[in-house]
């Protein structure tokens, strides 16, 4: 099976998206899932969306077509992380 691709978007694609991307990668790997994760600015998400299976964002993103979006701050706050990882797994059809 091809690796699922996740785009992580935040305001500037510097600190926040790096923290979120690393956390998602770590938690998915712990559960046995190998995913490809890239980061971008929220403003770039619409132009990149078609190349990804899922967008995880900490801020609103524009029109991303049919690419599913999970908007959350759980990977920063630590609250609700397990629920959001489960959402990612379900959205990607990995369960």
N, C-alpha and C. Protein backbone atom coordinates (compact mmCIF):
# COMPACT_ATOMS: atom_id res chain seq x y z
N UNK A 1 0.84 -1.18 0.00
CA UNK A 1 0.00 0.00 0.00
C UNK A 1 0.89 1.25 0.00
N UNK A 2 0.51 2.22 -0.80
CA UNK A 2 1.25 3.49 -0.86
C UNK A 2 1.11 4.22 0.47
N UNK A 3 2.15 4.91 0.83
CA UNK A 3 2.11 5.70 2.07
C UNK A 3 1.08 6.81 1.93
N UNK A 4 0.34 7.04 2.99
CA UNK A 4 -0.62 8.13 3.01
C UNK A 4 0.14 9.43 3.22
N UNK A 5 -0.35 10.48 2.58
CA UNK A 5 0.31 11.79 2.62
C UNK A 5 -0.52 12.77 3.44
N UNK A 6 0.13 13.39 4.44
CA UNK A 6 -0.53 14.37 5.30
C UNK A 6 0.18 15.70 5.16
N UNK A 7 -0.60 16.74 4.92
CA UNK A 7 -0.09 18.11 4.85
C UNK A 7 -0.45 18.79 6.16
N UNK A 8 0.55 19.34 6.85
CA UNK A 8 0.33 20.06 8.10
C UNK A 8 0.48 21.55 7.80
N UNK A 9 -0.58 22.31 8.08
CA UNK A 9 -0.58 23.73 7.77
C UNK A 9 -0.77 24.57 9.04
N UNK A 10 -0.02 25.67 9.10
CA UNK A 10 -0.20 26.65 10.17
C UNK A 10 0.01 28.03 9.56
N UNK A 11 0.00 29.03 10.38
CA UNK A 11 0.10 30.40 9.88
C UNK A 11 1.32 30.68 9.04
N UNK A 12 2.50 30.31 9.53
CA UNK A 12 3.74 30.66 8.83
C UNK A 12 4.59 29.48 8.40
N UNK A 13 4.21 28.28 8.78
CA UNK A 13 4.94 27.04 8.43
C UNK A 13 6.34 27.02 9.03
N UNK A 14 6.47 27.60 10.21
CA UNK A 14 7.78 27.58 10.87
C UNK A 14 7.68 26.73 12.13
N UNK A 15 7.36 27.32 13.25
CA UNK A 15 7.40 26.60 14.52
C UNK A 15 6.22 25.67 14.74
N UNK A 16 5.02 26.19 14.62
CA UNK A 16 3.83 25.40 14.96
C UNK A 16 3.71 24.16 14.09
N UNK A 17 3.83 24.32 12.78
CA UNK A 17 3.67 23.15 11.91
C UNK A 17 4.78 22.13 12.12
N UNK A 18 5.95 22.58 12.51
CA UNK A 18 7.05 21.66 12.79
C UNK A 18 6.72 20.80 14.00
N UNK A 19 6.23 21.42 15.07
CA UNK A 19 5.85 20.69 16.28
C UNK A 19 4.74 19.69 15.96
N UNK A 20 3.71 20.15 15.27
CA UNK A 20 2.57 19.30 14.94
C UNK A 20 3.00 18.15 14.03
N UNK A 21 3.77 18.44 13.00
CA UNK A 21 4.22 17.40 12.06
C UNK A 21 5.03 16.32 12.77
N UNK A 22 5.96 16.71 13.61
CA UNK A 22 6.79 15.74 14.32
C UNK A 22 5.95 14.88 15.27
N UNK A 23 5.00 15.51 15.94
CA UNK A 23 4.14 14.78 16.88
C UNK A 23 3.27 13.76 16.14
N UNK A 24 2.67 14.18 15.03
CA UNK A 24 1.84 13.26 14.25
C UNK A 24 2.69 12.10 13.73
N UNK A 25 3.85 12.41 13.19
CA UNK A 25 4.73 11.37 12.66
C UNK A 25 5.10 10.36 13.76
N UNK A 26 5.46 10.86 14.92
CA UNK A 26 5.84 10.01 16.06
C UNK A 26 4.68 9.13 16.51
N UNK A 27 3.50 9.73 16.65
CA UNK A 27 2.34 8.98 17.14
C UNK A 27 1.84 7.96 16.12
N UNK A 28 1.91 8.29 14.85
CA UNK A 28 1.50 7.34 13.81
C UNK A 28 2.49 6.17 13.76
N UNK A 29 3.77 6.48 13.87
CA UNK A 29 4.79 5.42 13.86
C UNK A 29 4.61 4.48 15.05
N UNK A 30 4.29 5.03 16.23
CA UNK A 30 4.06 4.21 17.42
C UNK A 30 2.91 3.23 17.20
N UNK A 31 1.97 3.63 16.35
CA UNK A 31 0.80 2.78 16.08
C UNK A 31 1.01 1.88 14.85
N UNK A 32 2.21 1.94 14.28
CA UNK A 32 2.54 1.07 13.15
C UNK A 32 2.20 1.62 11.78
N UNK A 33 1.93 2.92 11.68
CA UNK A 33 1.59 3.53 10.39
C UNK A 33 2.75 4.39 9.91
N UNK A 34 3.13 4.18 8.67
CA UNK A 34 4.21 4.94 8.06
C UNK A 34 3.57 5.96 7.11
N UNK A 35 3.67 7.23 7.43
CA UNK A 35 3.04 8.27 6.62
C UNK A 35 4.09 9.28 6.17
N UNK A 36 3.77 9.98 5.09
CA UNK A 36 4.61 11.07 4.59
C UNK A 36 3.96 12.37 5.05
N UNK A 37 4.75 13.21 5.70
CA UNK A 37 4.21 14.47 6.22
C UNK A 37 5.01 15.63 5.66
N UNK A 38 4.30 16.63 5.16
CA UNK A 38 4.92 17.87 4.70
C UNK A 38 4.25 19.03 5.42
N UNK A 39 4.93 20.15 5.46
CA UNK A 39 4.42 21.34 6.13
C UNK A 39 4.24 22.46 5.12
N UNK A 40 3.31 23.36 5.43
CA UNK A 40 3.13 24.55 4.60
C UNK A 40 2.42 25.64 5.39
N UNK A 41 2.39 26.83 4.81
CA UNK A 41 1.60 27.92 5.36
C UNK A 41 0.14 27.64 5.03
N UNK A 42 -0.75 28.10 5.88
CA UNK A 42 -2.18 27.90 5.63
C UNK A 42 -2.58 28.44 4.26
N UNK A 43 -2.00 29.55 3.87
CA UNK A 43 -2.32 30.17 2.58
C UNK A 43 -1.91 29.29 1.40
N UNK A 44 -0.95 28.39 1.60
CA UNK A 44 -0.49 27.50 0.53
C UNK A 44 -1.32 26.22 0.42
N UNK A 45 -2.09 25.91 1.44
CA UNK A 45 -2.83 24.65 1.48
C UNK A 45 -3.73 24.43 0.26
N UNK A 46 -4.50 25.43 -0.18
CA UNK A 46 -5.36 25.18 -1.34
C UNK A 46 -4.60 24.74 -2.59
N UNK A 47 -3.42 25.29 -2.83
CA UNK A 47 -2.67 24.93 -4.03
C UNK A 47 -1.97 23.57 -3.90
N UNK A 48 -1.79 23.09 -2.68
CA UNK A 48 -1.11 21.82 -2.46
C UNK A 48 -2.06 20.66 -2.15
N UNK A 49 -3.28 20.97 -1.80
CA UNK A 49 -4.23 19.99 -1.27
C UNK A 49 -4.41 18.75 -2.13
N UNK A 50 -4.48 18.90 -3.43
CA UNK A 50 -4.77 17.76 -4.31
C UNK A 50 -3.70 16.66 -4.23
N UNK A 51 -2.52 16.99 -3.76
CA UNK A 51 -1.43 16.02 -3.66
C UNK A 51 -1.41 15.26 -2.34
N UNK A 52 -2.39 15.55 -1.46
CA UNK A 52 -2.39 14.96 -0.12
C UNK A 52 -3.70 14.23 0.17
N UNK A 53 -3.60 13.27 1.08
CA UNK A 53 -4.77 12.50 1.49
C UNK A 53 -5.52 13.17 2.64
N UNK A 54 -4.83 14.07 3.35
CA UNK A 54 -5.41 14.72 4.52
C UNK A 54 -4.62 15.99 4.83
N UNK A 55 -5.33 17.00 5.32
CA UNK A 55 -4.69 18.21 5.81
C UNK A 55 -5.01 18.32 7.29
N UNK A 56 -3.97 18.51 8.10
CA UNK A 56 -4.14 18.78 9.53
C UNK A 56 -3.68 20.23 9.71
N UNK A 57 -4.53 21.04 10.29
CA UNK A 57 -4.23 22.46 10.41
C UNK A 57 -4.55 23.00 11.80
N UNK A 58 -3.83 24.04 12.18
CA UNK A 58 -4.08 24.70 13.46
C UNK A 58 -4.83 26.00 13.26
N UNK A 59 -5.11 26.34 12.01
CA UNK A 59 -5.74 27.60 11.66
C UNK A 59 -6.64 27.37 10.44
N UNK A 60 -7.59 28.24 10.20
CA UNK A 60 -8.46 28.03 9.02
C UNK A 60 -7.65 28.01 7.72
N UNK A 61 -8.07 27.16 6.79
CA UNK A 61 -7.47 27.12 5.46
C UNK A 61 -8.55 27.41 4.44
N UNK A 62 -8.11 27.87 3.27
CA UNK A 62 -9.06 28.18 2.20
C UNK A 62 -9.63 26.93 1.56
N UNK A 63 -10.19 27.08 0.39
CA UNK A 63 -10.84 25.98 -0.32
C UNK A 63 -9.80 24.93 -0.73
N UNK A 64 -9.91 23.76 -0.15
CA UNK A 64 -8.97 22.67 -0.44
C UNK A 64 -9.64 21.55 -1.22
N UNK A 65 -10.76 21.87 -1.84
CA UNK A 65 -11.45 20.88 -2.65
C UNK A 65 -11.96 19.72 -1.81
N UNK A 66 -11.73 18.51 -2.30
CA UNK A 66 -12.25 17.33 -1.61
C UNK A 66 -11.28 16.73 -0.58
N UNK A 67 -10.13 17.35 -0.40
CA UNK A 67 -9.16 16.84 0.59
C UNK A 67 -9.71 17.08 1.99
N UNK A 68 -9.82 16.03 2.80
CA UNK A 68 -10.35 16.20 4.16
C UNK A 68 -9.41 17.07 5.01
N UNK A 69 -10.02 17.81 5.93
CA UNK A 69 -9.28 18.70 6.82
C UNK A 69 -9.64 18.39 8.27
N UNK A 70 -8.62 18.27 9.11
CA UNK A 70 -8.82 18.17 10.55
C UNK A 70 -8.16 19.40 11.15
N UNK A 71 -8.97 20.26 11.75
CA UNK A 71 -8.45 21.47 12.39
C UNK A 71 -8.37 21.21 13.89
N UNK A 72 -7.17 21.34 14.46
CA UNK A 72 -6.98 21.00 15.87
C UNK A 72 -5.74 21.70 16.43
N UNK A 73 -5.75 21.91 17.72
CA UNK A 73 -4.56 22.38 18.43
C UNK A 73 -4.11 21.33 19.44
N UNK A 74 -4.70 20.16 19.38
CA UNK A 74 -4.39 19.12 20.38
C UNK A 74 -2.91 18.74 20.39
N UNK A 75 -2.27 18.76 19.24
CA UNK A 75 -0.86 18.36 19.19
C UNK A 75 0.05 19.42 19.81
N UNK A 76 -0.50 20.59 20.05
CA UNK A 76 0.23 21.65 20.76
C UNK A 76 -0.13 21.67 22.24
N UNK A 77 -1.42 21.50 22.52
CA UNK A 77 -1.90 21.61 23.91
C UNK A 77 -1.78 20.30 24.69
N UNK A 78 -1.78 19.18 23.96
CA UNK A 78 -1.75 17.88 24.61
C UNK A 78 -3.13 17.37 24.99
N UNK A 79 -4.15 18.18 24.80
CA UNK A 79 -5.52 17.80 25.16
C UNK A 79 -6.24 17.27 23.92
N UNK A 80 -6.68 16.02 23.98
CA UNK A 80 -7.42 15.43 22.87
C UNK A 80 -6.57 14.79 21.80
N UNK A 81 -5.30 14.56 22.09
CA UNK A 81 -4.39 14.00 21.10
C UNK A 81 -4.84 12.62 20.61
N UNK A 82 -5.17 11.73 21.53
CA UNK A 82 -5.57 10.37 21.14
C UNK A 82 -6.80 10.39 20.23
N UNK A 83 -7.76 11.25 20.54
CA UNK A 83 -8.96 11.35 19.71
C UNK A 83 -8.60 11.84 18.31
N UNK A 84 -7.69 12.82 18.23
CA UNK A 84 -7.32 13.33 16.91
C UNK A 84 -6.48 12.34 16.12
N UNK A 85 -5.64 11.56 16.78
CA UNK A 85 -4.91 10.51 16.07
C UNK A 85 -5.90 9.49 15.52
N UNK A 86 -6.90 9.16 16.29
CA UNK A 86 -7.92 8.22 15.81
C UNK A 86 -8.68 8.80 14.62
N UNK A 87 -8.97 10.10 14.65
CA UNK A 87 -9.63 10.77 13.51
C UNK A 87 -8.75 10.67 12.27
N UNK A 88 -7.44 10.88 12.45
CA UNK A 88 -6.50 10.79 11.32
C UNK A 88 -6.52 9.38 10.74
N UNK A 89 -6.43 8.39 11.60
CA UNK A 89 -6.42 6.99 11.17
C UNK A 89 -7.71 6.66 10.40
N UNK A 90 -8.84 7.07 10.94
CA UNK A 90 -10.13 6.80 10.30
C UNK A 90 -10.27 7.55 8.98
N UNK A 91 -9.86 8.81 8.97
CA UNK A 91 -9.98 9.62 7.74
C UNK A 91 -9.11 9.06 6.62
N UNK A 92 -7.94 8.55 6.99
CA UNK A 92 -7.05 7.96 6.00
C UNK A 92 -7.44 6.53 5.62
N UNK A 93 -8.45 5.98 6.30
CA UNK A 93 -8.90 4.62 6.00
C UNK A 93 -7.90 3.56 6.42
N UNK A 94 -7.18 3.83 7.51
CA UNK A 94 -6.13 2.91 7.96
C UNK A 94 -6.61 1.92 9.01
N UNK A 95 -7.84 2.06 9.47
CA UNK A 95 -8.32 1.14 10.53
C UNK A 95 -9.05 -0.04 9.95
